[in-house]
Amino acid sequence: MAAAQQHERRWKLVLGVVALAASAMITACSASSDEPEIVVYNSHDQRLTRQWADAFTEQTGIRVTLRDGADAEVADQVLAEGDRSPADVVLTENSPAMARMERAGLFAGLDPATLAQVPEQFRPTSGQWTGIAARSTAFVFHPGKIPPAELPAGLLDLQQPRWHGRWTADSHGADFQAVVAALLALDGENATRAWLHGVKDNATVAPNGFAALKAVGAGGVGGALVFATDWYRDQLAPERIIGPSTPHYFRGGDPGGYLSLSGAGVLKSSRHAAEAQRFVRFVTAAAGQRLLSGGAAMEYPVAADVPADPALPPLDSLDPPRVNPSELDPERVEALMREAGLL
């Protein structure tokens, strides 16, 4: 079922691109050259990206066409299209998809003015793309199922036999695979392989991160390894869906404290490079970053002068590990997960 749904989503993106190409041919014949437009392939939060696009258009007059899909689908599409892609900008939910496209040499690199807006911890050293938002990994637990004194001290603890059947994760999802990519970069292949076999033995599989959180809140399982964004969004909702639960953070540079970066890059093949660069600069500037606070996002801003929503724990209190996002290796992650029987 999961494979069928993924296939269906991928074809929705493909069909959207075909329709976009046809639309672009018609528009080229009828629209005047003083109506600039960019195309953004997007796997980040759709509500937030729509807010970015609308605010950018209002400020600049440049229209934005969004084509939505999952991280792997968007990356696969861009890799398949190469220099024929109609996309100008790519936004992803997690860094590994950006790393794939960077290694394929598809990004034009970002303007220095854009990079200057983003501290080094929130972007790759290459300057080929940048983080646009950050989310922290957390082990969200039900206090009635796991007493605080019994919480795991670090990510690798979850492979121990005492955690058999006590936690869940969406092991098929891009969020989980981003955490595994960080573990691989930080601790190496042997530690990652052992941990994945422990996941296979101990964790139940959730269809997505929000479902994992609901299972914890309902008392069906003790804890869930997730990015904490959905939990905080639910806490601010008028009617909460997730039951009693609390996020537990792995601090002190533990791989389980990985800070995931959502990314933005301008493609070399862009037909509207100046406008595309301007869009990424807008998203990473104060006006775009302020949209990360509140119930629609609840992510950490990457702009130095924009504070996070006060409901989120301060980043310096979490002490996340430093990972160069360009070094994440999603292909090796997938191979190790297949070896462990998780894919």
Protein backbone atom coordinates (compact mmCIF):
# COMPACT_ATOMS: atom_id res chain seq x y z
CA MET A 1 0.00 0.00 0.00
CA ALA A 2 2.77 2.44 0.92
CA ALA A 3 4.58 1.75 -2.35
CA ALA A 4 1.35 2.27 -4.31
CA GLN A 5 0.68 5.58 -2.59
CA GLN A 6 4.24 6.73 -3.25
CA HIS A 7 3.88 5.76 -6.93
CA GLU A 8 0.60 7.69 -7.13
CA ARG A 9 2.14 10.81 -5.54
CA ARG A 10 5.11 10.65 -7.90
CA TRP A 11 2.81 10.52 -10.92
CA LYS A 12 0.82 13.48 -9.59
CA LEU A 13 4.05 15.47 -9.57
CA VAL A 14 5.00 14.23 -13.04
CA LEU A 15 1.59 15.07 -14.45
CA GLY A 16 1.76 18.47 -12.79
CA VAL A 17 5.08 19.12 -14.52
CA VAL A 18 3.67 18.03 -17.89
CA ALA A 19 0.70 20.34 -17.40
CA LEU A 20 3.05 23.11 -16.35
CA ALA A 21 5.15 22.72 -19.49
CA ALA A 22 2.02 22.90 -21.67
CA SER A 23 0.79 25.91 -19.74
CA ALA A 24 4.15 27.62 -20.15
CA MET A 25 3.94 27.25 -23.96
CA ILE A 26 0.50 28.86 -24.00
CA THR A 27 1.56 31.61 -21.61
CA ALA A 28 4.62 32.41 -23.69
CA CYS A 29 2.33 33.24 -26.61
CA SER A 30 -0.13 35.35 -24.65
CA ALA A 31 1.62 36.93 -21.65
CA SER A 32 3.73 40.05 -21.92
CA SER A 33 7.41 39.92 -21.00
CA ASP A 34 6.85 42.35 -18.11
CA GLU A 35 4.97 39.65 -16.11
CA PRO A 36 7.79 37.66 -14.47
CA GLU A 37 7.03 34.24 -13.00
CA ILE A 38 9.07 31.53 -11.33
CA VAL A 39 8.33 27.85 -10.81
CA VAL A 40 9.08 26.30 -7.43
CA TYR A 41 9.23 22.54 -6.85
CA ASN A 42 8.28 22.19 -3.22
CA SER A 43 8.27 19.42 -0.62
CA HIS A 44 8.25 21.75 2.39
CA ASP A 45 5.06 22.50 4.35
CA GLN A 46 2.53 23.55 1.72
CA ARG A 47 0.73 26.11 3.87
CA LEU A 48 3.94 27.89 4.80
CA THR A 49 5.31 27.80 1.26
CA ARG A 50 2.06 29.28 -0.04
CA GLN A 51 2.45 32.10 2.50
CA TRP A 52 6.01 32.71 1.32
CA ALA A 53 4.93 32.73 -2.32
CA ASP A 54 2.00 35.11 -1.76
CA ALA A 55 4.04 37.52 0.35
CA PHE A 56 6.86 37.49 -2.21
CA THR A 57 4.47 38.22 -5.07
CA GLU A 58 2.86 41.04 -3.12
CA GLN A 59 6.24 42.63 -2.44
CA THR A 60 7.86 42.13 -5.86
CA GLY A 61 5.12 41.51 -8.42
CA ILE A 62 6.84 38.24 -9.39
CA ARG A 63 4.34 35.38 -9.60
CA VAL A 64 5.15 31.99 -8.11
CA THR A 65 3.83 28.67 -9.40
CA LEU A 66 4.18 25.84 -6.86
CA ARG A 67 4.47 22.16 -7.69
CA ASP A 68 4.25 20.02 -4.53
CA GLY A 69 5.56 16.53 -3.79
CA ALA A 70 7.55 14.59 -1.19
CA ASP A 71 11.32 15.06 -0.76
CA ALA A 72 12.38 12.00 -2.77
CA GLU A 73 9.81 12.70 -5.50
CA VAL A 74 10.97 16.28 -5.98
CA ALA A 75 14.64 15.27 -6.06
CA ASP A 76 13.93 12.39 -8.46
CA GLN A 77 12.01 14.74 -10.74
CA VAL A 78 14.78 17.34 -10.89
CA LEU A 79 17.44 14.67 -11.43
CA ALA A 80 15.40 13.13 -14.26
CA GLU A 81 14.77 16.47 -15.96
CA GLY A 82 18.32 17.79 -15.67
CA ASP A 83 18.85 21.00 -17.62
CA ARG A 84 15.37 20.63 -19.17
CA SER A 85 13.59 21.24 -15.88
CA PRO A 86 10.95 23.96 -15.90
CA ALA A 87 11.69 24.59 -12.21
CA ASP A 88 13.65 27.64 -11.09
CA VAL A 89 13.79 26.97 -7.33
CA VAL A 90 13.65 23.79 -5.25
CA LEU A 91 12.45 23.73 -1.63
CA THR A 92 12.72 20.53 0.40
CA GLU A 93 11.63 19.46 3.87
CA ASN A 94 14.95 17.79 4.71
CA SER A 95 18.62 18.17 3.78
CA PRO A 96 19.36 14.75 2.21
CA ALA A 97 17.28 15.53 -0.88
CA MET A 98 19.22 18.77 -1.32
CA ALA A 99 22.52 16.91 -0.92
CA ARG A 100 21.51 14.52 -3.73
CA MET A 101 20.86 17.39 -6.12
CA GLU A 102 24.02 19.21 -5.05
CA ARG A 103 26.19 16.15 -5.76
CA ALA A 104 24.61 15.95 -9.22
CA GLY A 105 25.80 19.52 -9.88
CA LEU A 106 22.31 20.93 -10.42
CA PHE A 107 22.50 24.07 -8.29
CA ALA A 108 23.71 27.45 -9.49
CA GLY A 109 24.92 28.53 -6.06
CA LEU A 110 23.37 31.39 -4.09
CA ASP A 111 24.09 35.09 -4.11
CA PRO A 112 26.49 36.22 -1.34
CA ALA A 113 23.80 38.58 -0.03
CA THR A 114 21.51 35.61 0.58
CA LEU A 115 24.20 33.51 2.26
CA ALA A 116 25.10 36.44 4.50
CA GLN A 117 21.58 36.37 5.96
CA VAL A 118 21.99 32.75 7.19
CA PRO A 119 24.49 31.76 9.93
CA GLU A 120 26.94 29.02 8.96
CA GLN A 121 25.26 26.43 11.20
CA PHE A 122 22.13 26.59 9.02
CA ARG A 123 23.68 26.06 5.57
CA PRO A 124 26.22 23.85 3.81
CA THR A 125 29.77 25.10 3.52
CA SER A 126 29.54 24.86 -0.27
CA GLY A 127 27.10 27.79 -0.60
CA GLN A 128 25.21 25.86 -3.28
CA TRP A 129 21.98 26.04 -1.29
CA THR A 130 20.82 27.17 2.13
CA GLY A 131 18.66 26.17 5.02
CA ILE A 132 15.35 28.00 5.23
CA ALA A 133 13.95 26.49 8.45
CA ALA A 134 15.11 24.06 11.13
CA ARG A 135 13.37 21.35 13.17
CA SER A 136 14.72 19.44 16.14
CA THR A 137 14.50 15.70 16.66
CA ALA A 138 12.70 14.63 19.84
CA PHE A 139 11.58 11.45 21.56
CA VAL A 140 7.99 12.32 22.49
CA PHE A 141 6.78 10.09 25.31
CA HIS A 142 3.66 9.30 27.32
CA PRO A 143 4.44 9.95 31.02
CA GLY A 144 2.14 7.13 32.07
CA LYS A 145 3.93 4.61 29.85
CA ILE A 146 7.55 5.71 30.32
CA PRO A 147 8.55 7.28 33.66
CA PRO A 148 11.01 10.17 33.17
CA ALA A 149 13.69 8.23 35.05
CA GLU A 150 13.55 5.50 32.39
CA LEU A 151 13.91 7.75 29.34
CA PRO A 152 16.69 6.88 26.88
CA ALA A 153 19.88 8.83 27.47
CA GLY A 154 20.67 8.95 23.76
CA LEU A 155 19.51 7.82 20.35
CA LEU A 156 21.57 4.62 20.39
CA ASP A 157 19.84 3.47 23.58
CA LEU A 158 16.72 2.73 21.53
CA GLN A 159 18.41 -0.30 19.97
CA GLN A 160 18.64 -2.03 23.35
CA PRO A 161 16.29 -5.00 24.03
CA ARG A 162 14.52 -3.17 26.87
CA TRP A 163 12.94 -0.89 24.26
CA HIS A 164 11.32 -3.75 22.36
CA GLY A 165 7.74 -2.74 21.44
CA ARG A 166 7.90 0.49 23.42
CA TRP A 167 8.41 3.08 20.66
CA THR A 168 7.39 3.94 17.14
CA ALA A 169 8.58 5.94 14.12
CA ASP A 170 7.69 6.49 10.49
CA SER A 171 10.71 4.54 9.29
CA HIS A 172 9.61 4.86 5.64
CA GLY A 173 9.45 8.65 5.77
CA ALA A 174 12.00 11.29 4.77
CA ASP A 175 12.10 12.70 8.31
CA PHE A 176 13.29 9.42 9.82
CA GLN A 177 15.76 8.86 7.01
CA ALA A 178 17.20 12.34 7.64
CA VAL A 179 17.93 11.33 11.24
CA VAL A 180 19.61 8.15 9.99
CA ALA A 181 21.68 10.21 7.54
CA ALA A 182 22.85 12.38 10.42
CA LEU A 183 23.75 9.30 12.48
CA LEU A 184 25.73 7.93 9.53
CA ALA A 185 27.63 11.21 9.13
CA LEU A 186 28.36 11.51 12.85
CA ASP A 187 28.99 7.93 14.04
CA GLY A 188 29.79 5.99 10.89
CA GLU A 189 28.45 2.96 9.11
CA ASN A 190 28.93 0.27 11.76
CA ALA A 191 27.06 2.21 14.46
CA THR A 192 24.31 3.10 11.98
CA ARG A 193 23.93 -0.50 10.82
CA ALA A 194 23.65 -1.77 14.41
CA TRP A 195 21.13 0.91 15.31
CA LEU A 196 18.94 0.16 12.29
CA HIS A 197 18.83 -3.52 13.18
CA GLY A 198 17.76 -2.44 16.67
CA VAL A 199 15.00 -0.31 15.14
CA LYS A 200 13.80 -3.29 13.14
CA ASP A 201 13.67 -5.40 16.31
CA ASN A 202 12.19 -2.83 18.69
CA ALA A 203 10.07 -0.19 16.95
CA THR A 204 6.62 -0.38 15.42
CA VAL A 205 6.08 1.40 12.11
CA ALA A 206 3.77 4.43 11.95
CA PRO A 207 2.36 5.70 8.62
CA ASN A 208 3.64 9.23 9.34
CA GLY A 209 5.03 11.36 12.15
CA PHE A 210 1.68 12.75 13.25
CA ALA A 211 0.21 9.24 13.49
CA ALA A 212 3.18 8.26 15.66
CA LEU A 213 2.44 11.17 17.99
CA LYS A 214 -1.26 10.24 18.16
CA ALA A 215 -0.32 6.68 19.11
CA VAL A 216 1.79 7.99 21.97
CA GLY A 217 -0.93 10.36 23.18
CA ALA A 218 -3.48 7.54 23.12
CA GLY A 219 -1.22 5.35 25.24
CA GLY A 220 -0.83 2.75 22.52
CA VAL A 221 2.95 3.03 22.64
CA GLY A 222 5.41 4.64 25.03
CA GLY A 223 7.31 6.99 22.75
CA ALA A 224 7.90 8.20 19.20
CA LEU A 225 11.04 9.41 17.46
CA VAL A 226 9.93 12.42 15.42
CA PHE A 227 10.71 15.99 14.58
CA ALA A 228 8.91 17.94 17.29
CA THR A 229 7.21 20.37 14.90
CA ASP A 230 3.87 18.54 14.73
CA TRP A 231 3.71 18.24 18.52
CA TYR A 232 4.12 21.99 18.97
CA ARG A 233 1.62 22.76 16.23
CA ASP A 234 -0.91 20.58 18.00
CA GLN A 235 -0.28 22.32 21.33
CA LEU A 236 -1.27 25.65 19.77
CA ALA A 237 -4.36 24.30 17.99
CA PRO A 238 -7.80 25.32 19.33
CA GLU A 239 -8.60 21.62 19.86
CA ARG A 240 -5.66 19.33 20.54
CA ILE A 241 -5.60 15.96 18.82
CA ILE A 242 -2.50 14.51 20.48
CA GLY A 243 -3.13 13.22 24.01
CA PRO A 244 -0.84 13.41 27.07
CA SER A 245 2.76 13.52 25.90
CA THR A 246 6.02 15.40 26.41
CA PRO A 247 9.04 15.91 24.15
CA HIS A 248 12.34 14.57 25.44
CA TYR A 249 15.47 15.96 23.76
CA PHE A 250 18.80 14.20 23.32
CA ARG A 251 21.27 16.94 24.21
CA GLY A 252 25.04 17.33 24.29
CA GLY A 253 25.65 16.74 20.60
CA ASP A 254 23.95 13.32 20.60
CA PRO A 255 22.92 12.18 17.08
CA GLY A 256 19.36 12.00 18.40
CA GLY A 257 19.42 15.78 18.79
CA TYR A 258 19.88 16.26 15.05
CA LEU A 259 18.61 19.58 13.76
CA SER A 260 17.03 19.02 10.36
CA LEU A 261 17.32 21.80 7.79
CA SER A 262 14.69 22.46 5.17
CA GLY A 263 16.52 23.70 2.10
CA ALA A 264 16.27 26.06 -0.86
CA GLY A 265 18.37 26.20 -3.99
CA VAL A 266 18.32 27.84 -7.42
CA LEU A 267 18.78 25.47 -10.35
CA LYS A 268 21.48 26.08 -12.95
CA SER A 269 18.83 25.48 -15.59
CA SER A 270 16.57 28.29 -14.33
CA ARG A 271 15.24 30.54 -17.09
CA HIS A 272 14.57 33.25 -14.52
CA ALA A 273 17.71 33.14 -12.41
CA ALA A 274 17.56 36.71 -11.08
CA GLU A 275 13.95 36.28 -9.92
CA ALA A 276 14.75 32.85 -8.46
CA GLN A 277 17.67 34.24 -6.47
CA ARG A 278 15.43 37.03 -5.26
CA PHE A 279 12.84 34.52 -4.00
CA VAL A 280 15.38 32.58 -1.91
CA ARG A 281 16.74 35.87 -0.55
CA PHE A 282 13.19 36.84 0.48
CA VAL A 283 12.52 33.50 2.21
CA THR A 284 15.71 33.78 4.26
CA ALA A 285 15.25 37.47 5.11
CA ALA A 286 13.35 38.74 8.14
CA ALA A 287 9.98 39.09 6.36
CA GLY A 288 10.00 35.46 5.23
CA GLN A 289 11.45 34.06 8.43
CA ARG A 290 8.83 35.66 10.68
CA LEU A 291 6.27 33.35 9.09
CA LEU A 292 7.95 30.41 10.85
CA SER A 293 6.37 31.32 14.19
CA GLY A 294 2.84 30.24 15.06
CA GLY A 295 0.61 27.26 14.45
CA ALA A 296 1.17 26.99 10.70
CA ALA A 297 4.91 26.31 11.03
CA MET A 298 6.51 26.13 14.51
CA GLU A 299 10.01 25.75 13.09
CA TYR A 300 13.22 27.53 14.01
CA PRO A 301 14.09 30.53 11.84
CA VAL A 302 17.51 30.50 10.20
CA ALA A 303 17.84 34.29 9.97
CA ALA A 304 20.01 35.57 12.80
CA ASP A 305 17.77 38.51 13.66
CA VAL A 306 14.46 36.60 13.85
CA PRO A 307 13.56 34.90 17.16
CA ALA A 308 11.90 31.51 17.30
CA ASP A 309 8.38 31.11 18.60
CA PRO A 310 8.59 31.37 22.42
CA ALA A 311 6.85 27.99 22.78
CA LEU A 312 9.93 26.27 21.31
CA PRO A 313 12.90 25.49 23.57
CA PRO A 314 15.88 27.77 22.80
CA LEU A 315 18.26 26.12 20.36
CA ASP A 316 21.30 26.79 22.54
CA SER A 317 19.62 24.78 25.32
CA LEU A 318 19.37 21.75 23.01
CA ASP A 319 23.04 21.76 21.91
CA PRO A 320 22.38 19.87 18.65
CA PRO A 321 25.25 18.10 16.86
CA ARG A 322 26.97 19.90 14.00
CA VAL A 323 26.41 18.19 10.66
CA ASN A 324 27.51 19.54 7.28
CA PRO A 325 24.31 18.96 5.28
CA SER A 326 26.24 18.56 2.03
CA GLU A 327 27.80 15.40 3.49
CA LEU A 328 24.52 13.58 4.14
CA ASP A 329 24.29 10.40 2.06
CA PRO A 330 20.66 9.35 1.39
CA GLU A 331 21.67 6.64 -1.07
CA ARG A 332 23.83 4.89 1.54
CA VAL A 333 21.06 5.34 4.12
CA GLU A 334 18.58 3.57 1.85
CA ALA A 335 21.02 0.71 1.30
CA LEU A 336 21.57 0.25 5.03
CA MET A 337 17.84 0.42 5.72
CA ARG A 338 17.15 -2.27 3.10
CA GLU A 339 19.87 -4.41 4.65
CA ALA A 340 18.12 -4.07 8.02
CA GLY A 341 14.71 -4.91 6.52
CA LEU A 342 13.26 -1.45 7.04
CA LEU A 343 12.58 -0.71 3.35
